[in-house]
Amino acid sequence: MLSSRKNNLVLAVVLIGGLAGCADYMNRRDSVTLGIGDAALSNAQIQTINPFPPGAGNQDIMLP
């Protein structure tokens, strides 16, 4: 009984160790993901001098 329990523990440790290696591999795979962005549009937005409308800086908000 004790030997079987020890074998199960060793097997679980080996499987967990193997899965940990797969996670690192999957993070660095070479493929297109859904989180890919538009670099040209992003660079244009970063270099825009004043992207806000003129009234955006008005701090005098009058409530009706």
N, C-alpha and C. Protein backbone atom coordinates (compact mmCIF):
# COMPACT_ATOMS: atom_id res chain seq x y z
N MET A 1 0.83 -1.19 0.00
CA MET A 1 0.00 0.00 0.00
C MET A 1 0.87 1.26 0.00
N LEU A 2 1.87 1.29 0.85
CA LEU A 2 2.75 2.46 0.93
C LEU A 2 3.55 2.63 -0.35
N SER A 3 3.97 1.53 -0.95
CA SER A 3 4.74 1.59 -2.18
C SER A 3 3.90 2.18 -3.32
N SER A 4 2.64 1.79 -3.40
CA SER A 4 1.74 2.30 -4.43
C SER A 4 1.52 3.81 -4.25
N ARG A 5 1.40 4.24 -3.01
CA ARG A 5 1.19 5.67 -2.73
C ARG A 5 2.44 6.47 -3.11
N LYS A 6 3.60 5.90 -2.84
CA LYS A 6 4.86 6.57 -3.18
C LYS A 6 5.01 6.64 -4.70
N ASN A 7 4.62 5.58 -5.39
CA ASN A 7 4.70 5.58 -6.85
C ASN A 7 3.77 6.65 -7.44
N ASN A 8 2.59 6.79 -6.88
CA ASN A 8 1.65 7.81 -7.36
C ASN A 8 2.20 9.22 -7.14
N LEU A 9 2.85 9.43 -6.02
CA LEU A 9 3.44 10.74 -5.72
C LEU A 9 4.56 11.06 -6.71
N VAL A 10 5.41 10.09 -6.97
CA VAL A 10 6.51 10.29 -7.92
C VAL A 10 5.95 10.56 -9.31
N LEU A 11 4.94 9.83 -9.71
CA LEU A 11 4.31 10.02 -11.02
C LEU A 11 3.70 11.42 -11.12
N ALA A 12 3.03 11.89 -10.08
CA ALA A 12 2.43 13.22 -10.08
C ALA A 12 3.50 14.31 -10.20
N VAL A 13 4.61 14.15 -9.49
CA VAL A 13 5.70 15.14 -9.56
C VAL A 13 6.28 15.19 -10.96
N VAL A 14 6.47 14.04 -11.58
CA VAL A 14 7.03 13.99 -12.93
C VAL A 14 6.06 14.63 -13.93
N LEU A 15 4.78 14.35 -13.81
CA LEU A 15 3.80 14.94 -14.73
C LEU A 15 3.71 16.45 -14.58
N ILE A 16 3.72 16.93 -13.35
CA ILE A 16 3.66 18.37 -13.12
C ILE A 16 4.91 19.05 -13.66
N GLY A 17 6.05 18.43 -13.47
CA GLY A 17 7.29 18.98 -14.01
C GLY A 17 7.27 19.03 -15.53
N GLY A 18 6.71 18.00 -16.15
CA GLY A 18 6.60 17.99 -17.61
C GLY A 18 5.66 19.06 -18.13
N LEU A 19 4.56 19.29 -17.45
CA LEU A 19 3.62 20.32 -17.88
C LEU A 19 4.19 21.72 -17.69
N ALA A 20 5.02 21.91 -16.70
CA ALA A 20 5.64 23.22 -16.49
C ALA A 20 6.54 23.57 -17.66
N GLY A 21 7.23 22.59 -18.20
CA GLY A 21 8.08 22.82 -19.37
C GLY A 21 7.26 23.17 -20.61
N CYS A 22 6.08 22.59 -20.75
CA CYS A 22 5.21 22.88 -21.90
C CYS A 22 4.70 24.31 -21.85
N ALA A 23 4.42 24.82 -20.67
CA ALA A 23 3.89 26.17 -20.55
C ALA A 23 4.90 27.19 -21.07
N ASP A 24 6.17 26.99 -20.77
CA ASP A 24 7.20 27.90 -21.23
C ASP A 24 7.32 27.82 -22.75
N TYR A 25 7.21 26.64 -23.31
CA TYR A 25 7.28 26.46 -24.76
C TYR A 25 6.10 27.14 -25.45
N MET A 26 4.92 27.00 -24.89
CA MET A 26 3.73 27.58 -25.53
C MET A 26 3.74 29.10 -25.48
N ASN A 27 4.41 29.71 -24.52
CA ASN A 27 4.48 31.17 -24.45
C ASN A 27 5.36 31.74 -25.56
N ARG A 28 6.27 30.94 -26.10
CA ARG A 28 7.21 31.42 -27.10
C ARG A 28 6.97 30.82 -28.48
N ARG A 29 5.79 30.31 -28.75
CA ARG A 29 5.54 29.70 -30.05
C ARG A 29 5.43 30.80 -31.11
N ASP A 30 5.71 30.44 -32.34
CA ASP A 30 5.73 31.39 -33.44
C ASP A 30 4.42 31.32 -34.20
N SER A 31 3.48 32.20 -33.86
CA SER A 31 2.19 32.21 -34.53
C SER A 31 1.55 33.59 -34.38
N VAL A 32 0.49 33.79 -35.15
CA VAL A 32 -0.27 35.04 -35.08
C VAL A 32 -1.32 34.89 -33.99
N THR A 33 -1.43 35.88 -33.12
CA THR A 33 -2.39 35.81 -32.02
C THR A 33 -3.50 36.84 -32.22
N LEU A 34 -4.55 36.71 -31.44
CA LEU A 34 -5.65 37.66 -31.53
C LEU A 34 -5.28 39.02 -30.94
N GLY A 35 -4.25 39.08 -30.10
CA GLY A 35 -3.85 40.33 -29.47
C GLY A 35 -2.92 41.17 -30.32
N ILE A 36 -2.75 40.81 -31.59
CA ILE A 36 -1.83 41.54 -32.45
C ILE A 36 -2.44 42.92 -32.76
N GLY A 37 -1.62 43.94 -32.82
CA GLY A 37 -2.13 45.30 -33.02
C GLY A 37 -1.68 45.89 -34.34
N ASP A 38 -2.03 47.14 -34.55
CA ASP A 38 -1.66 47.87 -35.75
C ASP A 38 -0.54 48.83 -35.37
N ALA A 39 0.70 48.46 -35.66
CA ALA A 39 1.85 49.23 -35.22
C ALA A 39 1.88 50.61 -35.87
N ALA A 40 1.53 50.71 -37.14
CA ALA A 40 1.58 52.01 -37.82
C ALA A 40 0.57 52.98 -37.21
N LEU A 41 -0.64 52.52 -36.94
CA LEU A 41 -1.65 53.38 -36.31
C LEU A 41 -1.23 53.77 -34.89
N SER A 42 -0.67 52.83 -34.17
CA SER A 42 -0.21 53.12 -32.81
C SER A 42 0.88 54.18 -32.81
N ASN A 43 1.84 54.07 -33.72
CA ASN A 43 2.92 55.06 -33.79
C ASN A 43 2.38 56.43 -34.19
N ALA A 44 1.40 56.47 -35.08
CA ALA A 44 0.81 57.75 -35.47
C ALA A 44 0.09 58.39 -34.29
N GLN A 45 -0.61 57.60 -33.49
CA GLN A 45 -1.32 58.14 -32.33
C GLN A 45 -0.35 58.66 -31.27
N ILE A 46 0.76 57.98 -31.10
CA ILE A 46 1.75 58.42 -30.11
C ILE A 46 2.35 59.77 -30.51
N GLN A 47 2.54 59.99 -31.81
CA GLN A 47 3.21 61.19 -32.28
C GLN A 47 2.24 62.35 -32.56
N THR A 48 0.96 62.17 -32.29
CA THR A 48 -0.02 63.24 -32.46
C THR A 48 0.22 64.30 -31.40
N ILE A 49 0.30 65.56 -31.82
CA ILE A 49 0.66 66.64 -30.90
C ILE A 49 -0.43 66.86 -29.85
N ASN A 50 -1.67 67.06 -30.26
CA ASN A 50 -2.75 67.30 -29.32
C ASN A 50 -3.98 66.52 -29.78
N PRO A 51 -4.16 65.30 -29.28
CA PRO A 51 -5.26 64.47 -29.75
C PRO A 51 -6.62 64.84 -29.18
N PHE A 52 -6.68 65.74 -28.22
CA PHE A 52 -7.94 66.09 -27.57
C PHE A 52 -8.57 67.31 -28.24
N PRO A 53 -9.89 67.42 -28.22
CA PRO A 53 -10.54 68.62 -28.77
C PRO A 53 -10.23 69.83 -27.89
N PRO A 54 -10.40 71.05 -28.42
CA PRO A 54 -10.04 72.24 -27.66
C PRO A 54 -10.77 72.38 -26.33
N GLY A 55 -11.99 71.94 -26.23
CA GLY A 55 -12.76 72.10 -25.00
C GLY A 55 -12.44 71.06 -23.94
N ALA A 56 -11.56 70.12 -24.21
CA ALA A 56 -11.28 69.05 -23.26
C ALA A 56 -10.55 69.55 -22.01
N GLY A 57 -9.82 70.64 -22.12
CA GLY A 57 -9.08 71.17 -20.97
C GLY A 57 -9.89 72.10 -20.10
N ASN A 58 -11.13 72.37 -20.47
CA ASN A 58 -11.99 73.30 -19.72
C ASN A 58 -12.40 72.63 -18.39
N GLN A 59 -11.97 73.24 -17.29
CA GLN A 59 -12.30 72.68 -15.98
C GLN A 59 -13.48 73.40 -15.35
N ASP A 60 -14.02 74.42 -15.97
CA ASP A 60 -15.18 75.15 -15.45
C ASP A 60 -16.44 74.49 -16.00
N ILE A 61 -16.91 73.46 -15.31
CA ILE A 61 -18.10 72.75 -15.75
C ILE A 61 -19.30 73.36 -15.06
N MET A 62 -20.19 73.88 -15.87
CA MET A 62 -21.40 74.53 -15.32
C MET A 62 -22.53 73.49 -15.33
N LEU A 63 -23.10 73.25 -14.17
CA LEU A 63 -24.24 72.34 -14.09
C LEU A 63 -25.52 73.10 -14.28
N PRO A 64 -26.50 72.54 -14.97
CA PRO A 64 -27.77 73.26 -15.20
C PRO A 64 -28.60 73.40 -13.96
